[in-house]
Amino acid sequence: MITAITLEPDVERLLHERQYLTKKSFKEVVNEAIRSALRPPPRRSPKLIPPPTAWVFAPASTRAPSPPSLTTWKPKPIWMFPPARVDA
């Protein structure tokens, strides 16, 4: 089938570049470009999500005790201004 189409200059340049790189005829390059543009995109397989990991915690009585320095430490307050004096 013979069909006349008008190509814009940038499209023509791209087709001629593809023709040069692939060593194919201009007709083949045009047909491949049209086919690839009109072909529906390939269907993606659904993303497989691994099952959630089961976490098993030991009872509190069998756990190792926390270091005492972490359990007894208490932060000291930081004062921006000295505390106000209350004279009674």
PDB file of N, CA and C in Angstrom:
ATOM      1  N   MET A   1       0.850  -1.173   0.000  1.00  0.00           N
ATOM      2  CA  MET A   1       0.000   0.000   0.000  1.00  0.00           C
ATOM      3  C   MET A   1       0.897   1.238   0.000  1.00  0.00           C
ATOM      4  N   ILE A   2       0.602   2.156  -0.841  1.00  0.00           N
ATOM      5  CA  ILE A   2       1.373   3.390  -0.928  1.00  0.00           C
ATOM      6  C   ILE A   2       0.554   4.508  -0.300  1.00  0.00           C
ATOM      7  N   THR A   3       1.190   5.199   0.653  1.00  0.00           N
ATOM      8  CA  THR A   3       0.530   6.305   1.344  1.00  0.00           C
ATOM      9  C   THR A   3       1.511   7.458   1.430  1.00  0.00           C
ATOM     10  N   ALA A   4       1.034   8.653   1.162  1.00  0.00           N
ATOM     11  CA  ALA A   4       1.887   9.837   1.269  1.00  0.00           C
ATOM     12  C   ALA A   4       1.662  10.473   2.639  1.00  0.00           C
ATOM     13  N   ILE A   5       2.752  10.716   3.344  1.00  0.00           N
ATOM     14  CA  ILE A   5       2.667  11.408   4.627  1.00  0.00           C
ATOM     15  C   ILE A   5       3.682  12.549   4.621  1.00  0.00           C
ATOM     16  N   THR A   6       3.402  13.563   5.402  1.00  0.00           N
ATOM     17  CA  THR A   6       4.329  14.676   5.536  1.00  0.00           C
ATOM     18  C   THR A   6       5.016  14.553   6.881  1.00  0.00           C
ATOM     19  N   LEU A   7       6.340  14.458   6.856  1.00  0.00           N
ATOM     20  CA  LEU A   7       7.118  14.326   8.082  1.00  0.00           C
ATOM     21  C   LEU A   7       7.684  15.674   8.480  1.00  0.00           C
ATOM     22  N   GLU A   8       7.651  15.942   9.738  1.00  0.00           N
ATOM     23  CA  GLU A   8       8.296  17.156  10.232  1.00  0.00           C
ATOM     24  C   GLU A   8       9.802  16.940  10.171  1.00  0.00           C
ATOM     25  N   PRO A   9      10.568  18.016  10.080  1.00  0.00           N
ATOM     26  CA  PRO A   9      12.018  17.882   9.889  1.00  0.00           C
ATOM     27  C   PRO A   9      12.723  17.079  10.988  1.00  0.00           C
ATOM     28  N   ASP A  10      12.310  17.264  12.245  1.00  0.00           N
ATOM     29  CA  ASP A  10      12.982  16.529  13.323  1.00  0.00           C
ATOM     30  C   ASP A  10      12.679  15.030  13.248  1.00  0.00           C
ATOM     31  N   VAL A  11      11.450  14.672  12.850  1.00  0.00           N
ATOM     32  CA  VAL A  11      11.089  13.268  12.715  1.00  0.00           C
ATOM     33  C   VAL A  11      11.845  12.636  11.557  1.00  0.00           C
ATOM     34  N   GLU A  12      11.951  13.366  10.471  1.00  0.00           N
ATOM     35  CA  GLU A  12      12.685  12.858   9.315  1.00  0.00           C
ATOM     36  C   GLU A  12      14.163  12.624   9.668  1.00  0.00           C
ATOM     37  N   ARG A  13      14.739  13.549  10.404  1.00  0.00           N
ATOM     38  CA  ARG A  13      16.136  13.405  10.810  1.00  0.00           C
ATOM     39  C   ARG A  13      16.325  12.178  11.683  1.00  0.00           C
ATOM     40  N   LEU A  14      15.396  11.954  12.646  1.00  0.00           N
ATOM     41  CA  LEU A  14      15.481  10.778  13.511  1.00  0.00           C
ATOM     42  C   LEU A  14      15.358   9.483  12.708  1.00  0.00           C
ATOM     43  N   LEU A  15      14.453   9.482  11.731  1.00  0.00           N
ATOM     44  CA  LEU A  15      14.282   8.281  10.912  1.00  0.00           C
ATOM     45  C   LEU A  15      15.518   8.012  10.059  1.00  0.00           C
ATOM     46  N   HIS A  16      16.107   9.062   9.504  1.00  0.00           N
ATOM     47  CA  HIS A  16      17.316   8.879   8.696  1.00  0.00           C
ATOM     48  C   HIS A  16      18.490   8.422   9.570  1.00  0.00           C
ATOM     49  N   GLU A  17      18.575   8.915  10.785  1.00  0.00           N
ATOM     50  CA  GLU A  17      19.614   8.447  11.708  1.00  0.00           C
ATOM     51  C   GLU A  17      19.445   6.961  12.003  1.00  0.00           C
ATOM     52  N   ARG A  18      18.197   6.554  12.264  1.00  0.00           N
ATOM     53  CA  ARG A  18      17.927   5.149  12.544  1.00  0.00           C
ATOM     54  C   ARG A  18      18.229   4.298  11.311  1.00  0.00           C
ATOM     55  N   GLN A  19      17.921   4.823  10.141  1.00  0.00           N
ATOM     56  CA  GLN A  19      18.206   4.103   8.894  1.00  0.00           C
ATOM     57  C   GLN A  19      19.710   3.897   8.738  1.00  0.00           C
ATOM     58  N   TYR A  20      20.486   4.921   9.033  1.00  0.00           N
ATOM     59  CA  TYR A  20      21.939   4.832   8.910  1.00  0.00           C
ATOM     60  C   TYR A  20      22.511   3.833   9.910  1.00  0.00           C
ATOM     61  N   LEU A  21      21.999   3.870  11.147  1.00  0.00           N
ATOM     62  CA  LEU A  21      22.537   3.003  12.196  1.00  0.00           C
ATOM     63  C   LEU A  21      22.176   1.528  11.974  1.00  0.00           C
ATOM     64  N   THR A  22      20.981   1.265  11.461  1.00  0.00           N
ATOM     65  CA  THR A  22      20.527  -0.113  11.308  1.00  0.00           C
ATOM     66  C   THR A  22      20.777  -0.681   9.918  1.00  0.00           C
ATOM     67  N   LYS A  23      21.181   0.176   8.981  1.00  0.00           N
ATOM     68  CA  LYS A  23      21.427  -0.255   7.594  1.00  0.00           C
ATOM     69  C   LYS A  23      20.188  -0.884   6.968  1.00  0.00           C
ATOM     70  N   LYS A  24      19.016  -0.346   7.303  1.00  0.00           N
ATOM     71  CA  LYS A  24      17.748  -0.823   6.741  1.00  0.00           C
ATOM     72  C   LYS A  24      17.202   0.230   5.804  1.00  0.00           C
ATOM     73  N   SER A  25      16.205  -0.157   5.022  1.00  0.00           N
ATOM     74  CA  SER A  25      15.583   0.806   4.107  1.00  0.00           C
ATOM     75  C   SER A  25      14.737   1.788   4.906  1.00  0.00           C
ATOM     76  N   PHE A  26      14.482   2.936   4.281  1.00  0.00           N
ATOM     77  CA  PHE A  26      13.684   3.971   4.942  1.00  0.00           C
ATOM     78  C   PHE A  26      12.296   3.434   5.243  1.00  0.00           C
ATOM     79  N   LYS A  27      11.731   2.655   4.326  1.00  0.00           N
ATOM     80  CA  LYS A  27      10.402   2.067   4.504  1.00  0.00           C
ATOM     81  C   LYS A  27      10.381   1.171   5.744  1.00  0.00           C
ATOM     82  N   GLU A  28      11.403   0.323   5.926  1.00  0.00           N
ATOM     83  CA  GLU A  28      11.454  -0.568   7.086  1.00  0.00           C
ATOM     84  C   GLU A  28      11.562   0.215   8.392  1.00  0.00           C
ATOM     85  N   VAL A  29      12.366   1.263   8.371  1.00  0.00           N
ATOM     86  CA  VAL A  29      12.543   2.073   9.578  1.00  0.00           C
ATOM     87  C   VAL A  29      11.237   2.764   9.959  1.00  0.00           C
ATOM     88  N   VAL A  30      10.529   3.304   8.970  1.00  0.00           N
ATOM     89  CA  VAL A  30       9.255   3.982   9.241  1.00  0.00           C
ATOM     90  C   VAL A  30       8.242   2.984   9.787  1.00  0.00           C
ATOM     91  N   ASN A  31       8.142   1.804   9.156  1.00  0.00           N
ATOM     92  CA  ASN A  31       7.187   0.804   9.617  1.00  0.00           C
ATOM     93  C   ASN A  31       7.506   0.327  11.037  1.00  0.00           C
ATOM     94  N   GLU A  32       8.781   0.108  11.350  1.00  0.00           N
ATOM     95  CA  GLU A  32       9.162  -0.307  12.704  1.00  0.00           C
ATOM     96  C   GLU A  32       8.822   0.766  13.731  1.00  0.00           C
ATOM     97  N   ALA A  33       9.066   2.025  13.371  1.00  0.00           N
ATOM     98  CA  ALA A  33       8.771   3.122  14.302  1.00  0.00           C
ATOM     99  C   ALA A  33       7.273   3.217  14.574  1.00  0.00           C
ATOM    100  N   ILE A  34       6.478   3.071  13.517  1.00  0.00           N
ATOM    101  CA  ILE A  34       5.022   3.153  13.695  1.00  0.00           C
ATOM    102  C   ILE A  34       4.533   1.956  14.512  1.00  0.00           C
ATOM    103  N   ARG A  35       5.044   0.768  14.219  1.00  0.00           N
ATOM    104  CA  ARG A  35       4.626  -0.422  14.972  1.00  0.00           C
ATOM    105  C   ARG A  35       4.978  -0.294  16.454  1.00  0.00           C
ATOM    106  N   SER A  36       6.199   0.142  16.736  1.00  0.00           N
ATOM    107  CA  SER A  36       6.603   0.235  18.145  1.00  0.00           C
ATOM    108  C   SER A  36       5.804   1.298  18.892  1.00  0.00           C
ATOM    109  N   ALA A  37       5.398   2.356  18.192  1.00  0.00           N
ATOM    110  CA  ALA A  37       4.609   3.402  18.853  1.00  0.00           C
ATOM    111  C   ALA A  37       3.170   2.966  19.081  1.00  0.00           C
ATOM    112  N   LEU A  38       2.632   2.140  18.184  1.00  0.00           N
ATOM    113  CA  LEU A  38       1.235   1.741  18.292  1.00  0.00           C
ATOM    114  C   LEU A  38       1.032   0.429  19.050  1.00  0.00           C
ATOM    115  N   ARG A  39       2.081  -0.335  19.262  1.00  0.00           N
ATOM    116  CA  ARG A  39       1.974  -1.611  19.969  1.00  0.00           C
ATOM    117  C   ARG A  39       1.655  -1.327  21.432  1.00  0.00           C
ATOM    118  N   PRO A  40       0.712  -2.083  22.008  1.00  0.00           N
ATOM    119  CA  PRO A  40       0.411  -1.860  23.430  1.00  0.00           C
ATOM    120  C   PRO A  40       1.622  -2.226  24.287  1.00  0.00           C
ATOM    121  N   PRO A  41       1.806  -1.539  25.392  1.00  0.00           N
ATOM    122  CA  PRO A  41       2.960  -1.837  26.251  1.00  0.00           C
ATOM    123  C   PRO A  41       2.853  -3.252  26.806  1.00  0.00           C
ATOM    124  N   PRO A  42       3.987  -3.899  27.043  1.00  0.00           N
ATOM    125  CA  PRO A  42       3.937  -5.262  27.588  1.00  0.00           C
ATOM    126  C   PRO A  42       3.330  -5.266  28.980  1.00  0.00           C
ATOM    127  N   ARG A  43       2.571  -6.304  29.275  1.00  0.00           N
ATOM    128  CA  ARG A  43       1.948  -6.407  30.599  1.00  0.00           C
ATOM    129  C   ARG A  43       2.998  -6.796  31.609  1.00  0.00           C
ATOM    130  N   ARG A  44       2.987  -6.127  32.713  1.00  0.00           N
ATOM    131  CA  ARG A  44       3.927  -6.431  33.786  1.00  0.00           C
ATOM    132  C   ARG A  44       3.304  -7.472  34.694  1.00  0.00           C
ATOM    133  N   SER A  45       4.126  -8.370  35.143  1.00  0.00           N
ATOM    134  CA  SER A  45       3.636  -9.341  36.116  1.00  0.00           C
ATOM    135  C   SER A  45       3.483  -8.618  37.455  1.00  0.00           C
ATOM    136  N   PRO A  46       2.522  -9.039  38.262  1.00  0.00           N
ATOM    137  CA  PRO A  46       2.349  -8.360  39.550  1.00  0.00           C
ATOM    138  C   PRO A  46       3.597  -8.508  40.404  1.00  0.00           C
ATOM    139  N   LYS A  47       3.894  -7.468  41.115  1.00  0.00           N
ATOM    140  CA  LYS A  47       5.085  -7.471  41.968  1.00  0.00           C
ATOM    141  C   LYS A  47       4.865  -8.443  43.122  1.00  0.00           C
ATOM    142  N   LEU A  48       5.787  -9.360  43.268  1.00  0.00           N
ATOM    143  CA  LEU A  48       5.671 -10.337  44.341  1.00  0.00           C
ATOM    144  C   LEU A  48       6.216  -9.747  45.633  1.00  0.00           C
ATOM    145  N   ILE A  49       5.388  -9.769  46.645  1.00  0.00           N
ATOM    146  CA  ILE A  49       5.777  -9.229  47.948  1.00  0.00           C
ATOM    147  C   ILE A  49       6.019 -10.412  48.874  1.00  0.00           C
ATOM    148  N   PRO A  50       7.188 -10.483  49.491  1.00  0.00           N
ATOM    149  CA  PRO A  50       7.443 -11.609  50.389  1.00  0.00           C
ATOM    150  C   PRO A  50       6.503 -11.555  51.593  1.00  0.00           C
ATOM    151  N   PRO A  51       6.162 -12.716  52.141  1.00  0.00           N
ATOM    152  CA  PRO A  51       5.265 -12.722  53.300  1.00  0.00           C
ATOM    153  C   PRO A  51       5.929 -12.027  54.482  1.00  0.00           C
ATOM    154  N   PRO A  52       5.141 -11.435  55.363  1.00  0.00           N
ATOM    155  CA  PRO A  52       5.734 -10.749  56.513  1.00  0.00           C
ATOM    156  C   PRO A  52       6.482 -11.740  57.404  1.00  0.00           C
ATOM    157  N   THR A  53       7.542 -11.268  57.977  1.00  0.00           N
ATOM    158  CA  THR A  53       8.348 -12.103  58.863  1.00  0.00           C
ATOM    159  C   THR A  53       7.659 -12.204  60.213  1.00  0.00           C
ATOM    160  N   ALA A  54       7.615 -13.395  60.733  1.00  0.00           N
ATOM    161  CA  ALA A  54       7.012 -13.593  62.053  1.00  0.00           C
ATOM    162  C   ALA A  54       8.053 -13.292  63.120  1.00  0.00           C
ATOM    163  N   TRP A  55       7.728 -12.385  64.009  1.00  0.00           N
ATOM    164  CA  TRP A  55       8.635 -12.046  65.104  1.00  0.00           C
ATOM    165  C   TRP A  55       8.182 -12.789  66.340  1.00  0.00           C
ATOM    166  N   VAL A  56       9.092 -13.495  66.968  1.00  0.00           N
ATOM    167  CA  VAL A  56       8.774 -14.221  68.191  1.00  0.00           C
ATOM    168  C   VAL A  56       9.658 -13.644  69.293  1.00  0.00           C
ATOM    169  N   PHE A  57       9.011 -13.130  70.315  1.00  0.00           N
ATOM    170  CA  PHE A  57       9.742 -12.537  71.430  1.00  0.00           C
ATOM    171  C   PHE A  57       9.731 -13.500  72.605  1.00  0.00           C
ATOM    172  N   ALA A  58      10.844 -13.578  73.288  1.00  0.00           N
ATOM    173  CA  ALA A  58      10.933 -14.416  74.482  1.00  0.00           C
ATOM    174  C   ALA A  58      10.235 -13.710  75.639  1.00  0.00           C
ATOM    175  N   PRO A  59       9.700 -14.450  76.583  1.00  0.00           N
ATOM    176  CA  PRO A  59       9.085 -13.802  77.742  1.00  0.00           C
ATOM    177  C   PRO A  59      10.114 -12.967  78.504  1.00  0.00           C
ATOM    178  N   ALA A  60       9.648 -11.976  79.234  1.00  0.00           N
ATOM    179  CA  ALA A  60      10.532 -11.044  79.934  1.00  0.00           C
ATOM    180  C   ALA A  60      11.435 -11.750  80.930  1.00  0.00           C
ATOM    181  N   SER A  61      10.976 -12.852  81.494  1.00  0.00           N
ATOM    182  CA  SER A  61      11.789 -13.527  82.512  1.00  0.00           C
ATOM    183  C   SER A  61      13.017 -14.196  81.903  1.00  0.00           C
ATOM    184  N   THR A  62      13.006 -14.499  80.608  1.00  0.00           N
ATOM    185  CA  THR A  62      14.149 -15.182  79.998  1.00  0.00           C
ATOM    186  C   THR A  62      15.067 -14.224  79.256  1.00  0.00           C
ATOM    187  N   ARG A  63      14.696 -12.964  79.171  1.00  0.00           N
ATOM    188  CA  ARG A  63      15.541 -11.998  78.470  1.00  0.00           C
ATOM    189  C   ARG A  63      16.741 -11.626  79.327  1.00  0.00           C
ATOM    190  N   ALA A  64      17.796 -11.234  78.669  1.00  0.00           N
ATOM    191  CA  ALA A  64      18.975 -10.747  79.393  1.00  0.00           C
ATOM    192  C   ALA A  64      18.642  -9.397  80.009  1.00  0.00           C
ATOM    193  N   PRO A  65      19.105  -9.133  81.224  1.00  0.00           N
ATOM    194  CA  PRO A  65      18.796  -7.842  81.852  1.00  0.00           C
ATOM    195  C   PRO A  65      19.514  -6.700  81.138  1.00  0.00           C
ATOM    196  N   SER A  66      18.903  -5.545  81.163  1.00  0.00           N
ATOM    197  CA  SER A  66      19.522  -4.365  80.570  1.00  0.00           C
ATOM    198  C   SER A  66      20.661  -3.901  81.448  1.00  0.00           C
ATOM    199  N   PRO A  67      21.667  -3.281  80.866  1.00  0.00           N
ATOM    200  CA  PRO A  67      22.763  -2.764  81.697  1.00  0.00           C
ATOM    201  C   PRO A  67      22.236  -1.722  82.672  1.00  0.00           C
ATOM    202  N   PRO A  68      22.712  -1.718  83.903  1.00  0.00           N
ATOM    203  CA  PRO A  68      22.173  -0.791  84.901  1.00  0.00           C
ATOM    204  C   PRO A  68      22.377   0.666  84.539  1.00  0.00           C
ATOM    205  N   SER A  69      23.430   0.983  83.810  1.00  0.00           N
ATOM    206  CA  SER A  69      23.671   2.382  83.478  1.00  0.00           C
ATOM    207  C   SER A  69      22.561   2.936  82.582  1.00  0.00           C
ATOM    208  N   LEU A  70      21.940   2.086  81.788  1.00  0.00           N
ATOM    209  CA  LEU A  70      20.876   2.565  80.910  1.00  0.00           C
ATOM    210  C   LEU A  70      19.538   2.640  81.623  1.00  0.00           C
ATOM    211  N   THR A  71      19.346   1.823  82.636  1.00  0.00           N
ATOM    212  CA  THR A  71      18.056   1.825  83.321  1.00  0.00           C
ATOM    213  C   THR A  71      17.990   2.864  84.428  1.00  0.00           C
ATOM    214  N   THR A  72      19.127   3.277  84.989  1.00  0.00           N
ATOM    215  CA  THR A  72      19.109   4.228  86.099  1.00  0.00           C
ATOM    216  C   THR A  72      19.438   5.650  85.662  1.00  0.00           C
ATOM    217  N   TRP A  73      19.863   5.851  84.438  1.00  0.00           N
ATOM    218  CA  TRP A  73      20.244   7.178  83.980  1.00  0.00           C
ATOM    219  C   TRP A  73      19.022   8.036  83.760  1.00  0.00           C
ATOM    220  N   LYS A  74      19.069   9.264  84.279  1.00  0.00           N
ATOM    221  CA  LYS A  74      17.976  10.210  84.067  1.00  0.00           C
ATOM    222  C   LYS A  74      18.585  11.505  83.560  1.00  0.00           C
ATOM    223  N   PRO A  75      18.002  12.080  82.533  1.00  0.00           N
ATOM    224  CA  PRO A  75      18.580  13.325  81.998  1.00  0.00           C
ATOM    225  C   PRO A  75      18.432  14.465  82.993  1.00  0.00           C
ATOM    226  N   LYS A  76      19.412  15.344  83.020  1.00  0.00           N
ATOM    227  CA  LYS A  76      19.358  16.521  83.881  1.00  0.00           C
ATOM    228  C   LYS A  76      18.698  17.642  83.094  1.00  0.00           C
ATOM    229  N   PRO A  77      17.897  18.458  83.747  1.00  0.00           N
ATOM    230  CA  PRO A  77      17.256  19.558  83.026  1.00  0.00           C
ATOM    231  C   PRO A  77      18.286  20.595  82.575  1.00  0.00           C
ATOM    232  N   ILE A  78      18.040  21.163  81.442  1.00  0.00           N
ATOM    233  CA  ILE A  78      18.917  22.214  80.917  1.00  0.00           C
ATOM    234  C   ILE A  78      18.149  23.530  81.049  1.00  0.00           C
ATOM    235  N   TRP A  79      18.760  24.479  81.769  1.00  0.00           N
ATOM    236  CA  TRP A  79      18.094  25.755  82.001  1.00  0.00           C
ATOM    237  C   TRP A  79      18.604  26.789  81.018  1.00  0.00           C
ATOM    238  N   MET A  80      17.672  27.440  80.349  1.00  0.00           N
ATOM    239  CA  MET A  80      18.048  28.550  79.484  1.00  0.00           C
ATOM    240  C   MET A  80      18.377  29.775  80.341  1.00  0.00           C
ATOM    241  N   PHE A  81      17.588  29.959  81.363  1.00  0.00           N
ATOM    242  CA  PHE A  81      17.799  31.063  82.304  1.00  0.00           C
ATOM    243  C   PHE A  81      17.808  30.450  83.692  1.00  0.00           C
ATOM    244  N   PRO A  82      18.520  31.064  84.612  1.00  0.00           N
ATOM    245  CA  PRO A  82      18.501  30.502  85.967  1.00  0.00           C
ATOM    246  C   PRO A  82      17.072  30.515  86.517  1.00  0.00           C
ATOM    247  N   PRO A  83      16.735  29.523  87.332  1.00  0.00           N
ATOM    248  CA  PRO A  83      15.381  29.495  87.892  1.00  0.00           C
ATOM    249  C   PRO A  83      15.109  30.755  88.717  1.00  0.00           C
ATOM    250  N   ALA A  84      13.887  31.207  88.640  1.00  0.00           N
ATOM    251  CA  ALA A  84      13.496  32.436  89.379  1.00  0.00           C
ATOM    252  C   ALA A  84      13.518  32.158  90.880  1.00  0.00           C
ATOM    253  N   ARG A  85      13.999  33.156  91.644  1.00  0.00           N
ATOM    254  CA  ARG A  85      14.028  33.029  93.094  1.00  0.00           C
ATOM    255  C   ARG A  85      12.665  33.413  93.646  1.00  0.00           C
ATOM    256  N   VAL A  86      12.251  32.605  94.529  1.00  0.00           N
ATOM    257  CA  VAL A  86      10.973  32.905  95.171  1.00  0.00           C
ATOM    258  C   VAL A  86      11.306  33.232  96.639  1.00  0.00           C
ATOM    259  N   ASP A  87      11.200  34.522  96.993  1.00  0.00           N
ATOM    260  CA  ASP A  87      11.460  34.937  98.376  1.00  0.00           C
ATOM    261  C   ASP A  87      10.116  34.979  99.108  1.00  0.00           C
ATOM    262  N   ALA A  88      10.040  34.167 100.102  1.00  0.00           N
ATOM    263  CA  ALA A  88       8.770  34.130 100.833  1.00  0.00           C
ATOM    264  C   ALA A  88       8.921  34.647 102.215  1.00  0.00           C
TER     265      ALA A  88
END
